N, C-alpha and C. Protein backbone atom coordinates (compact mmCIF):
# COMPACT_ATOMS: atom_id res chain seq x y z
N MET A 1 -20.52 -44.19 -63.13
CA MET A 1 -21.95 -43.98 -63.09
C MET A 1 -22.57 -44.75 -61.92
N PHE A 2 -22.09 -46.01 -61.73
CA PHE A 2 -22.63 -46.82 -60.65
C PHE A 2 -22.33 -46.20 -59.29
N LYS A 3 -21.14 -45.60 -59.15
CA LYS A 3 -20.78 -44.94 -57.88
C LYS A 3 -21.74 -43.79 -57.60
N GLN A 4 -22.11 -43.02 -58.65
CA GLN A 4 -23.02 -41.90 -58.47
C GLN A 4 -24.40 -42.38 -58.03
N ILE A 5 -24.84 -43.48 -58.62
CA ILE A 5 -26.14 -44.03 -58.25
C ILE A 5 -26.10 -44.50 -56.80
N LYS A 6 -25.02 -45.19 -56.42
CA LYS A 6 -24.87 -45.64 -55.03
C LYS A 6 -24.83 -44.46 -54.08
N ALA A 7 -24.11 -43.40 -54.48
CA ALA A 7 -24.01 -42.21 -53.62
C ALA A 7 -25.38 -41.56 -53.46
N ALA A 8 -26.12 -41.45 -54.55
CA ALA A 8 -27.46 -40.85 -54.49
C ALA A 8 -28.38 -41.70 -53.63
N PHE A 9 -28.29 -43.01 -53.79
CA PHE A 9 -29.11 -43.91 -52.98
C PHE A 9 -28.75 -43.77 -51.51
N GLY A 10 -27.46 -43.75 -51.21
CA GLY A 10 -27.00 -43.60 -49.82
C GLY A 10 -27.47 -42.30 -49.21
N SER A 11 -27.41 -41.23 -50.00
CA SER A 11 -27.86 -39.92 -49.53
C SER A 11 -29.36 -39.94 -49.24
N ALA A 12 -30.12 -40.53 -50.14
CA ALA A 12 -31.57 -40.61 -49.96
C ALA A 12 -31.90 -41.45 -48.73
N LEU A 13 -31.17 -42.54 -48.53
CA LEU A 13 -31.38 -43.38 -47.36
C LEU A 13 -31.08 -42.61 -46.09
N PHE A 14 -29.99 -41.85 -46.10
CA PHE A 14 -29.59 -41.06 -44.93
C PHE A 14 -30.67 -40.04 -44.58
N ILE A 15 -31.17 -39.32 -45.57
CA ILE A 15 -32.20 -38.32 -45.33
C ILE A 15 -33.48 -38.98 -44.86
N ALA A 16 -33.84 -40.11 -45.46
CA ALA A 16 -35.04 -40.82 -45.03
C ALA A 16 -34.91 -41.29 -43.59
N ALA A 17 -33.72 -41.76 -43.22
CA ALA A 17 -33.52 -42.24 -41.85
C ALA A 17 -33.69 -41.13 -40.84
N LEU A 18 -33.31 -39.91 -41.22
CA LEU A 18 -33.46 -38.78 -40.31
C LEU A 18 -34.92 -38.46 -40.03
N SER A 19 -35.78 -38.76 -41.00
CA SER A 19 -37.17 -38.38 -40.83
C SER A 19 -38.08 -39.52 -40.37
N LEU A 20 -37.54 -40.73 -40.21
CA LEU A 20 -38.36 -41.84 -39.75
C LEU A 20 -38.70 -41.70 -38.28
N PRO A 21 -39.96 -41.89 -37.94
CA PRO A 21 -40.31 -41.84 -36.52
C PRO A 21 -39.84 -43.11 -35.83
N SER A 22 -39.24 -42.96 -34.69
CA SER A 22 -38.85 -44.10 -33.87
C SER A 22 -38.69 -43.64 -32.45
N ALA A 23 -38.66 -44.57 -31.55
CA ALA A 23 -38.48 -44.22 -30.15
C ALA A 23 -37.14 -43.53 -29.94
N ALA A 24 -36.12 -43.94 -30.71
CA ALA A 24 -34.79 -43.37 -30.52
C ALA A 24 -34.72 -41.92 -30.98
N ASN A 25 -35.20 -41.63 -32.19
CA ASN A 25 -35.05 -40.25 -32.66
C ASN A 25 -36.25 -39.38 -32.32
N ALA A 26 -37.31 -39.94 -31.76
CA ALA A 26 -38.44 -39.12 -31.34
C ALA A 26 -38.02 -38.20 -30.20
N GLN A 27 -37.02 -38.63 -29.43
CA GLN A 27 -36.55 -37.84 -28.31
C GLN A 27 -35.32 -37.01 -28.66
N THR A 28 -34.83 -37.11 -29.91
CA THR A 28 -33.63 -36.38 -30.32
C THR A 28 -33.96 -34.91 -30.45
N TYR A 29 -33.11 -34.09 -29.87
CA TYR A 29 -33.26 -32.65 -29.97
C TYR A 29 -32.03 -32.12 -30.69
N TRP A 30 -32.23 -31.58 -31.87
CA TRP A 30 -31.12 -31.06 -32.67
C TRP A 30 -30.99 -29.56 -32.51
N GLN A 31 -29.79 -29.08 -32.30
CA GLN A 31 -29.47 -27.67 -32.46
C GLN A 31 -29.07 -27.49 -33.92
N CYS A 32 -29.20 -26.28 -34.45
CA CYS A 32 -28.93 -26.08 -35.87
C CYS A 32 -27.47 -26.31 -36.24
N ALA A 33 -26.53 -25.87 -35.40
CA ALA A 33 -25.11 -25.96 -35.76
C ALA A 33 -24.61 -27.40 -35.84
N PRO A 34 -24.83 -28.24 -34.82
CA PRO A 34 -24.37 -29.62 -34.96
C PRO A 34 -25.04 -30.35 -36.13
N PHE A 35 -26.32 -30.04 -36.36
CA PHE A 35 -27.00 -30.69 -37.48
C PHE A 35 -26.40 -30.23 -38.81
N ALA A 36 -26.17 -28.92 -38.98
CA ALA A 36 -25.60 -28.41 -40.22
C ALA A 36 -24.20 -28.98 -40.45
N ARG A 37 -23.41 -29.10 -39.39
CA ARG A 37 -22.07 -29.67 -39.51
C ARG A 37 -22.15 -31.11 -40.01
N MET A 38 -23.04 -31.90 -39.41
CA MET A 38 -23.20 -33.29 -39.80
C MET A 38 -23.78 -33.40 -41.23
N PHE A 39 -24.75 -32.59 -41.53
CA PHE A 39 -25.45 -32.69 -42.81
C PHE A 39 -24.63 -32.14 -43.97
N SER A 40 -23.89 -31.04 -43.75
CA SER A 40 -23.15 -30.40 -44.84
C SER A 40 -21.72 -30.89 -44.96
N GLY A 41 -21.16 -31.37 -43.85
CA GLY A 41 -19.75 -31.76 -43.86
C GLY A 41 -18.82 -30.60 -43.57
N ILE A 42 -19.33 -29.40 -43.41
CA ILE A 42 -18.50 -28.23 -43.09
C ILE A 42 -18.15 -28.31 -41.61
N GLN A 43 -16.87 -28.37 -41.33
CA GLN A 43 -16.40 -28.62 -39.97
C GLN A 43 -16.10 -27.33 -39.22
N LEU A 44 -17.16 -26.65 -38.80
CA LEU A 44 -17.06 -25.45 -37.97
C LEU A 44 -17.84 -25.73 -36.68
N PHE A 45 -17.49 -25.01 -35.63
CA PHE A 45 -18.06 -25.33 -34.31
C PHE A 45 -18.52 -24.06 -33.61
N GLY A 46 -19.25 -24.25 -32.51
CA GLY A 46 -19.72 -23.12 -31.71
C GLY A 46 -21.04 -22.57 -32.22
N ALA A 47 -21.37 -21.39 -31.70
CA ALA A 47 -22.63 -20.73 -32.05
C ALA A 47 -22.71 -20.51 -33.56
N ALA A 48 -23.90 -20.67 -34.11
CA ALA A 48 -24.11 -20.58 -35.55
C ALA A 48 -23.60 -19.26 -36.15
N ALA A 49 -23.88 -18.14 -35.50
CA ALA A 49 -23.46 -16.84 -36.04
C ALA A 49 -21.95 -16.74 -36.12
N GLY A 50 -21.22 -17.48 -35.29
CA GLY A 50 -19.77 -17.46 -35.31
C GLY A 50 -19.15 -18.22 -36.46
N TRP A 51 -19.94 -19.03 -37.15
CA TRP A 51 -19.41 -19.81 -38.27
C TRP A 51 -18.83 -18.91 -39.36
N TRP A 52 -19.44 -17.76 -39.59
CA TRP A 52 -19.01 -16.90 -40.68
C TRP A 52 -17.55 -16.49 -40.51
N HIS A 53 -17.21 -16.05 -39.31
CA HIS A 53 -15.84 -15.59 -39.05
C HIS A 53 -14.87 -16.77 -38.96
N GLN A 54 -15.33 -17.90 -38.45
CA GLN A 54 -14.49 -19.10 -38.40
C GLN A 54 -14.13 -19.62 -39.78
N ALA A 55 -15.00 -19.40 -40.74
CA ALA A 55 -14.79 -19.93 -42.09
C ALA A 55 -13.71 -19.17 -42.86
N ILE A 56 -13.38 -17.96 -42.44
CA ILE A 56 -12.39 -17.15 -43.15
C ILE A 56 -11.06 -17.91 -43.22
N GLY A 57 -10.58 -18.09 -44.44
CA GLY A 57 -9.33 -18.81 -44.66
C GLY A 57 -9.46 -20.32 -44.68
N ARG A 58 -10.61 -20.83 -44.28
CA ARG A 58 -10.83 -22.29 -44.27
C ARG A 58 -11.78 -22.75 -45.37
N TYR A 59 -12.80 -21.92 -45.62
CA TYR A 59 -13.80 -22.25 -46.62
C TYR A 59 -14.08 -20.99 -47.45
N ALA A 60 -14.46 -21.20 -48.69
CA ALA A 60 -14.87 -20.07 -49.53
C ALA A 60 -16.21 -19.55 -49.01
N GLN A 61 -16.44 -18.26 -49.19
CA GLN A 61 -17.68 -17.62 -48.74
C GLN A 61 -18.19 -16.71 -49.85
N GLY A 62 -19.50 -16.46 -49.84
CA GLY A 62 -20.05 -15.57 -50.84
C GLY A 62 -21.52 -15.29 -50.61
N SER A 63 -22.09 -14.59 -51.59
CA SER A 63 -23.48 -14.16 -51.47
C SER A 63 -24.41 -14.87 -52.44
N ALA A 64 -23.94 -15.94 -53.08
CA ALA A 64 -24.79 -16.70 -54.00
C ALA A 64 -24.97 -18.11 -53.46
N PRO A 65 -26.20 -18.60 -53.42
CA PRO A 65 -26.42 -19.96 -52.92
C PRO A 65 -25.88 -21.02 -53.88
N LYS A 66 -25.32 -22.07 -53.31
CA LYS A 66 -24.86 -23.23 -54.07
C LYS A 66 -25.28 -24.47 -53.30
N LEU A 67 -25.56 -25.54 -54.04
CA LEU A 67 -25.94 -26.80 -53.43
C LEU A 67 -24.89 -27.22 -52.40
N GLY A 68 -25.33 -27.54 -51.20
CA GLY A 68 -24.43 -27.99 -50.14
C GLY A 68 -23.82 -26.88 -49.32
N SER A 69 -24.00 -25.63 -49.75
CA SER A 69 -23.45 -24.52 -48.97
C SER A 69 -24.31 -24.30 -47.72
N VAL A 70 -23.73 -23.57 -46.76
CA VAL A 70 -24.44 -23.30 -45.52
C VAL A 70 -24.75 -21.81 -45.45
N LEU A 71 -26.02 -21.47 -45.28
CA LEU A 71 -26.47 -20.10 -45.10
C LEU A 71 -26.32 -19.75 -43.63
N VAL A 72 -25.60 -18.64 -43.33
CA VAL A 72 -25.34 -18.25 -41.95
C VAL A 72 -26.16 -17.02 -41.60
N PHE A 73 -27.03 -17.17 -40.61
CA PHE A 73 -27.87 -16.08 -40.12
C PHE A 73 -27.12 -15.32 -39.03
N LYS A 74 -27.27 -14.02 -39.01
CA LYS A 74 -26.66 -13.20 -37.97
C LYS A 74 -27.42 -13.38 -36.66
N ALA A 75 -26.73 -13.13 -35.56
CA ALA A 75 -27.38 -13.15 -34.25
C ALA A 75 -28.21 -11.89 -34.11
N ILE A 76 -29.45 -12.06 -33.66
CA ILE A 76 -30.33 -10.92 -33.37
C ILE A 76 -31.04 -11.25 -32.06
N GLY A 77 -31.85 -10.34 -31.58
CA GLY A 77 -32.53 -10.53 -30.29
C GLY A 77 -33.29 -11.84 -30.17
N SER A 78 -34.03 -12.23 -31.20
CA SER A 78 -34.81 -13.46 -31.14
C SER A 78 -33.98 -14.71 -31.47
N MET A 79 -32.77 -14.51 -32.00
CA MET A 79 -31.86 -15.62 -32.32
C MET A 79 -30.48 -15.21 -31.81
N ARG A 80 -30.27 -15.31 -30.52
CA ARG A 80 -29.03 -14.81 -29.92
C ARG A 80 -27.79 -15.55 -30.42
N SER A 81 -27.95 -16.78 -30.89
CA SER A 81 -26.82 -17.55 -31.40
C SER A 81 -26.77 -17.60 -32.92
N GLY A 82 -27.69 -16.90 -33.57
CA GLY A 82 -27.78 -16.99 -35.03
C GLY A 82 -28.43 -18.29 -35.44
N HIS A 83 -28.20 -18.67 -36.69
CA HIS A 83 -28.78 -19.90 -37.22
C HIS A 83 -27.98 -20.30 -38.45
N VAL A 84 -27.93 -21.59 -38.74
CA VAL A 84 -27.31 -22.09 -39.97
C VAL A 84 -28.24 -23.10 -40.62
N ALA A 85 -28.24 -23.12 -41.95
CA ALA A 85 -29.08 -24.04 -42.71
C ALA A 85 -28.34 -24.45 -43.97
N THR A 86 -28.47 -25.71 -44.36
CA THR A 86 -27.76 -26.24 -45.53
C THR A 86 -28.65 -26.16 -46.76
N VAL A 87 -28.11 -25.63 -47.85
CA VAL A 87 -28.85 -25.50 -49.11
C VAL A 87 -28.98 -26.88 -49.75
N THR A 88 -30.23 -27.28 -50.00
CA THR A 88 -30.50 -28.57 -50.63
C THR A 88 -30.98 -28.44 -52.08
N LYS A 89 -31.47 -27.25 -52.45
CA LYS A 89 -31.91 -27.00 -53.83
C LYS A 89 -31.80 -25.50 -54.10
N VAL A 90 -31.37 -25.16 -55.31
CA VAL A 90 -31.41 -23.77 -55.75
C VAL A 90 -32.53 -23.70 -56.78
N ILE A 91 -33.62 -23.01 -56.41
CA ILE A 91 -34.80 -22.92 -57.27
C ILE A 91 -34.62 -21.80 -58.30
N SER A 92 -34.16 -20.65 -57.84
CA SER A 92 -33.91 -19.49 -58.71
C SER A 92 -32.87 -18.62 -58.03
N ASP A 93 -32.59 -17.45 -58.62
CA ASP A 93 -31.61 -16.57 -58.00
C ASP A 93 -32.12 -15.94 -56.71
N ARG A 94 -33.42 -16.08 -56.41
CA ARG A 94 -33.99 -15.50 -55.19
C ARG A 94 -34.73 -16.50 -54.31
N ILE A 95 -34.74 -17.78 -54.70
CA ILE A 95 -35.44 -18.80 -53.90
C ILE A 95 -34.58 -20.06 -53.82
N ILE A 96 -34.43 -20.57 -52.59
CA ILE A 96 -33.71 -21.82 -52.37
C ILE A 96 -34.52 -22.71 -51.43
N LYS A 97 -34.08 -23.94 -51.31
CA LYS A 97 -34.62 -24.87 -50.31
C LYS A 97 -33.45 -25.21 -49.39
N VAL A 98 -33.74 -25.31 -48.10
CA VAL A 98 -32.72 -25.67 -47.12
C VAL A 98 -33.23 -26.81 -46.26
N THR A 99 -32.30 -27.52 -45.67
CA THR A 99 -32.61 -28.48 -44.62
C THR A 99 -31.91 -27.96 -43.38
N HIS A 100 -32.66 -27.86 -42.29
CA HIS A 100 -32.11 -27.30 -41.06
C HIS A 100 -32.83 -27.86 -39.84
N ALA A 101 -32.26 -27.55 -38.69
CA ALA A 101 -32.84 -28.04 -37.43
C ALA A 101 -33.15 -26.88 -36.51
N ASN A 102 -34.13 -27.12 -35.65
CA ASN A 102 -34.49 -26.20 -34.57
C ASN A 102 -34.94 -24.83 -35.07
N TRP A 103 -35.79 -24.82 -36.09
CA TRP A 103 -36.34 -23.55 -36.57
C TRP A 103 -37.83 -23.51 -36.25
N GLY A 104 -38.63 -24.15 -37.05
CA GLY A 104 -40.08 -24.10 -36.84
C GLY A 104 -40.57 -25.15 -35.87
N THR A 105 -39.78 -26.20 -35.69
CA THR A 105 -40.13 -27.26 -34.76
C THR A 105 -39.05 -27.30 -33.69
N HIS A 106 -39.43 -27.25 -32.46
CA HIS A 106 -38.48 -27.19 -31.35
C HIS A 106 -37.56 -28.40 -31.35
N GLY A 107 -36.31 -28.20 -31.83
CA GLY A 107 -35.34 -29.27 -31.86
C GLY A 107 -35.50 -30.25 -32.99
N GLY A 108 -36.50 -30.04 -33.85
CA GLY A 108 -36.75 -30.96 -34.96
C GLY A 108 -36.00 -30.57 -36.22
N VAL A 109 -35.99 -31.48 -37.17
CA VAL A 109 -35.35 -31.26 -38.47
C VAL A 109 -36.43 -31.03 -39.52
N GLU A 110 -36.23 -30.02 -40.35
CA GLU A 110 -37.14 -29.73 -41.46
C GLU A 110 -36.36 -29.85 -42.77
N HIS A 111 -36.94 -30.58 -43.73
CA HIS A 111 -36.29 -30.84 -45.00
C HIS A 111 -36.88 -29.97 -46.12
N ASP A 112 -36.01 -29.48 -46.99
CA ASP A 112 -36.42 -28.71 -48.18
C ASP A 112 -37.39 -27.59 -47.86
N VAL A 113 -36.99 -26.74 -46.94
CA VAL A 113 -37.77 -25.59 -46.52
C VAL A 113 -37.47 -24.42 -47.45
N THR A 114 -38.50 -23.72 -47.88
CA THR A 114 -38.32 -22.58 -48.78
C THR A 114 -37.74 -21.38 -48.04
N VAL A 115 -36.71 -20.79 -48.66
CA VAL A 115 -36.10 -19.56 -48.15
C VAL A 115 -36.07 -18.59 -49.32
N VAL A 116 -36.51 -17.35 -49.07
CA VAL A 116 -36.61 -16.34 -50.11
C VAL A 116 -35.67 -15.18 -49.79
N ASP A 117 -34.91 -14.76 -50.79
CA ASP A 117 -34.04 -13.60 -50.63
C ASP A 117 -34.93 -12.36 -50.49
N ALA A 118 -34.84 -11.70 -49.35
CA ALA A 118 -35.66 -10.51 -49.09
C ALA A 118 -34.82 -9.24 -49.09
N SER A 119 -33.56 -9.35 -49.54
CA SER A 119 -32.68 -8.18 -49.55
C SER A 119 -33.03 -7.24 -50.69
N ALA A 120 -32.79 -5.97 -50.48
CA ALA A 120 -33.09 -4.96 -51.50
C ALA A 120 -32.20 -5.11 -52.73
N ASN A 121 -30.96 -5.57 -52.53
CA ASN A 121 -30.00 -5.67 -53.64
C ASN A 121 -29.86 -7.07 -54.22
N GLY A 122 -30.67 -8.01 -53.78
CA GLY A 122 -30.58 -9.37 -54.29
C GLY A 122 -29.29 -10.07 -53.89
N ASP A 123 -28.75 -9.74 -52.72
CA ASP A 123 -27.47 -10.30 -52.28
C ASP A 123 -27.60 -11.28 -51.12
N TRP A 124 -28.81 -11.69 -50.80
CA TRP A 124 -29.08 -12.66 -49.75
C TRP A 124 -28.65 -12.17 -48.37
N SER A 125 -28.59 -10.86 -48.16
CA SER A 125 -28.22 -10.32 -46.85
C SER A 125 -29.42 -10.30 -45.89
N ALA A 126 -30.60 -10.60 -46.39
CA ALA A 126 -31.81 -10.74 -45.57
C ALA A 126 -32.71 -11.77 -46.24
N VAL A 127 -33.29 -12.66 -45.43
CA VAL A 127 -34.12 -13.72 -45.99
C VAL A 127 -35.41 -13.89 -45.19
N LYS A 128 -36.40 -14.44 -45.86
CA LYS A 128 -37.63 -14.87 -45.21
C LYS A 128 -37.67 -16.39 -45.34
N VAL A 129 -38.11 -17.05 -44.26
CA VAL A 129 -38.07 -18.51 -44.18
C VAL A 129 -39.49 -19.05 -44.04
N TRP A 130 -39.79 -20.15 -44.77
CA TRP A 130 -41.08 -20.82 -44.67
C TRP A 130 -41.36 -21.14 -43.22
N TYR A 131 -42.58 -20.86 -42.81
CA TYR A 131 -42.99 -21.13 -41.44
C TYR A 131 -44.30 -21.92 -41.50
N ALA A 132 -44.22 -23.19 -41.17
CA ALA A 132 -45.34 -24.12 -41.33
C ALA A 132 -46.64 -23.67 -40.66
N PRO A 133 -46.60 -23.11 -39.43
CA PRO A 133 -47.88 -22.74 -38.81
C PRO A 133 -48.72 -21.75 -39.62
N ILE A 134 -48.10 -20.94 -40.46
CA ILE A 134 -48.87 -20.01 -41.29
C ILE A 134 -48.91 -20.44 -42.76
N SER A 135 -48.25 -21.57 -43.08
CA SER A 135 -48.20 -22.11 -44.44
C SER A 135 -47.71 -21.09 -45.46
N ASP A 136 -46.67 -20.36 -45.10
CA ASP A 136 -46.11 -19.32 -45.97
C ASP A 136 -44.74 -18.93 -45.44
N VAL A 137 -44.00 -18.15 -46.24
CA VAL A 137 -42.77 -17.60 -45.68
C VAL A 137 -43.16 -16.60 -44.61
N GLY A 138 -42.35 -16.51 -43.60
CA GLY A 138 -42.65 -15.62 -42.50
C GLY A 138 -42.69 -14.16 -42.93
N THR A 139 -43.21 -13.33 -42.08
CA THR A 139 -43.33 -11.90 -42.38
C THR A 139 -42.07 -11.14 -41.99
N HIS A 140 -41.20 -11.77 -41.22
CA HIS A 140 -39.97 -11.12 -40.75
C HIS A 140 -38.79 -11.52 -41.62
N ALA A 141 -37.99 -10.54 -42.03
CA ALA A 141 -36.76 -10.82 -42.77
C ALA A 141 -35.61 -10.91 -41.77
N TYR A 142 -34.84 -11.97 -41.87
CA TYR A 142 -33.72 -12.21 -40.97
C TYR A 142 -32.41 -11.83 -41.65
N PRO A 143 -31.53 -11.10 -40.97
CA PRO A 143 -30.25 -10.73 -41.58
C PRO A 143 -29.29 -11.92 -41.64
N THR A 144 -28.55 -12.03 -42.74
CA THR A 144 -27.59 -13.12 -42.90
C THR A 144 -26.23 -12.56 -43.30
N TYR A 145 -25.20 -13.38 -43.06
CA TYR A 145 -23.86 -13.04 -43.54
C TYR A 145 -23.69 -13.46 -44.99
N GLY A 146 -24.21 -14.60 -45.34
CA GLY A 146 -24.06 -15.17 -46.68
C GLY A 146 -23.89 -16.67 -46.59
N PHE A 147 -23.20 -17.23 -47.59
CA PHE A 147 -23.06 -18.68 -47.72
C PHE A 147 -21.61 -19.11 -47.54
N ILE A 148 -21.43 -20.22 -46.84
CA ILE A 148 -20.13 -20.86 -46.71
C ILE A 148 -20.15 -22.04 -47.67
N TYR A 149 -19.14 -22.09 -48.55
CA TYR A 149 -19.08 -23.14 -49.56
C TYR A 149 -18.14 -24.25 -49.13
N GLY A 150 -18.27 -25.36 -49.79
CA GLY A 150 -17.42 -26.50 -49.49
C GLY A 150 -18.22 -27.70 -49.06
N GLY A 151 -19.48 -27.47 -48.79
CA GLY A 151 -20.31 -28.55 -48.29
C GLY A 151 -20.76 -29.53 -49.35
N ALA A 152 -20.89 -29.10 -50.60
CA ALA A 152 -21.39 -30.00 -51.64
C ALA A 152 -20.44 -31.18 -51.82
N ARG A 153 -19.15 -30.91 -51.85
CA ARG A 153 -18.17 -31.98 -52.00
C ARG A 153 -18.22 -32.91 -50.78
N ALA A 154 -18.26 -32.31 -49.60
CA ALA A 154 -18.30 -33.10 -48.38
C ALA A 154 -19.60 -33.90 -48.31
N LEU A 155 -20.70 -33.30 -48.72
CA LEU A 155 -21.99 -33.99 -48.71
C LEU A 155 -21.96 -35.18 -49.66
N ALA A 156 -21.39 -34.99 -50.86
CA ALA A 156 -21.29 -36.08 -51.83
C ALA A 156 -20.37 -37.18 -51.31
N GLN A 157 -19.24 -36.81 -50.69
CA GLN A 157 -18.33 -37.81 -50.13
C GLN A 157 -19.01 -38.58 -49.01
N GLY A 158 -19.76 -37.88 -48.18
CA GLY A 158 -20.48 -38.55 -47.10
C GLY A 158 -21.52 -39.51 -47.63
N ALA A 159 -22.22 -39.10 -48.69
CA ALA A 159 -23.23 -39.97 -49.30
C ALA A 159 -22.56 -41.19 -49.92
N GLU A 160 -21.41 -41.00 -50.58
CA GLU A 160 -20.71 -42.12 -51.18
C GLU A 160 -20.21 -43.08 -50.10
N ALA A 161 -19.68 -42.53 -49.00
CA ALA A 161 -19.22 -43.37 -47.90
C ALA A 161 -20.38 -44.17 -47.31
N ALA A 162 -21.53 -43.52 -47.17
CA ALA A 162 -22.71 -44.21 -46.64
C ALA A 162 -23.14 -45.33 -47.58
N ALA A 163 -23.10 -45.07 -48.90
CA ALA A 163 -23.46 -46.08 -49.88
C ALA A 163 -22.50 -47.25 -49.82
N GLN A 164 -21.20 -46.96 -49.62
CA GLN A 164 -20.21 -48.02 -49.53
C GLN A 164 -20.44 -48.88 -48.28
N ARG A 165 -20.81 -48.23 -47.18
CA ARG A 165 -21.09 -49.00 -45.97
C ARG A 165 -22.32 -49.89 -46.17
N ILE A 166 -23.29 -49.40 -46.93
CA ILE A 166 -24.51 -50.17 -47.17
C ILE A 166 -24.20 -51.43 -47.96
N ASP A 167 -23.36 -51.29 -49.01
CA ASP A 167 -23.12 -52.48 -49.83
C ASP A 167 -21.83 -53.21 -49.45
N GLY A 168 -21.15 -52.75 -48.39
CA GLY A 168 -20.01 -53.49 -47.86
C GLY A 168 -18.70 -53.23 -48.55
N THR A 169 -18.61 -52.19 -49.38
CA THR A 169 -17.34 -51.87 -50.03
C THR A 169 -16.67 -50.75 -49.29
N THR A 170 -15.35 -50.62 -49.48
CA THR A 170 -14.63 -49.53 -48.83
C THR A 170 -13.95 -48.61 -49.82
N ASP A 171 -13.71 -49.05 -51.04
CA ASP A 171 -13.05 -48.19 -52.02
C ASP A 171 -13.79 -48.15 -53.35
N GLY A 172 -15.05 -48.51 -53.34
CA GLY A 172 -15.85 -48.51 -54.55
C GLY A 172 -15.82 -49.85 -55.28
N ALA A 173 -14.91 -50.74 -54.88
CA ALA A 173 -14.84 -52.06 -55.50
C ALA A 173 -15.49 -53.07 -54.55
N ALA A 174 -16.08 -54.07 -55.14
CA ALA A 174 -16.71 -55.11 -54.32
C ALA A 174 -15.64 -55.87 -53.55
N ASN A 175 -15.94 -56.29 -52.34
CA ASN A 175 -15.00 -57.07 -51.52
C ASN A 175 -14.98 -58.51 -51.92
């Protein structure tokens, strides 16, 4: 139980650190793929739209959102490289929250952004994403491949490792 509390605390600290204003991170420009890799723990590289095909045989994939999974957007004219976002909350079968970079803010990170399944069949093949300037989900539905799974475990392990670094332990036991 104590390890879970430490992991949750470490995760909260990590997320808070990402959003703190400072001279160092005020100039940080995040692309979505490196941020999603760091945030989710899913080790895929290159353009975001390419993650879907890279994941075959390495990570489970599907059309249902799960905590820690990565939603992969297809490349289209306005998003030539696609986009990736990590699921941080599953609200319902048609609404999730994601944390992602370089969407509504140029190079910035947005936490717990609402994403709505806009597909006709409820399969998450098209989504609408919250867009802060209009204070609503956007009017355009973006095509997606689906979700890459495996990030929840990696995210939890990363949070536990961060918690261990904070309190100076390396294997969960005090030094």
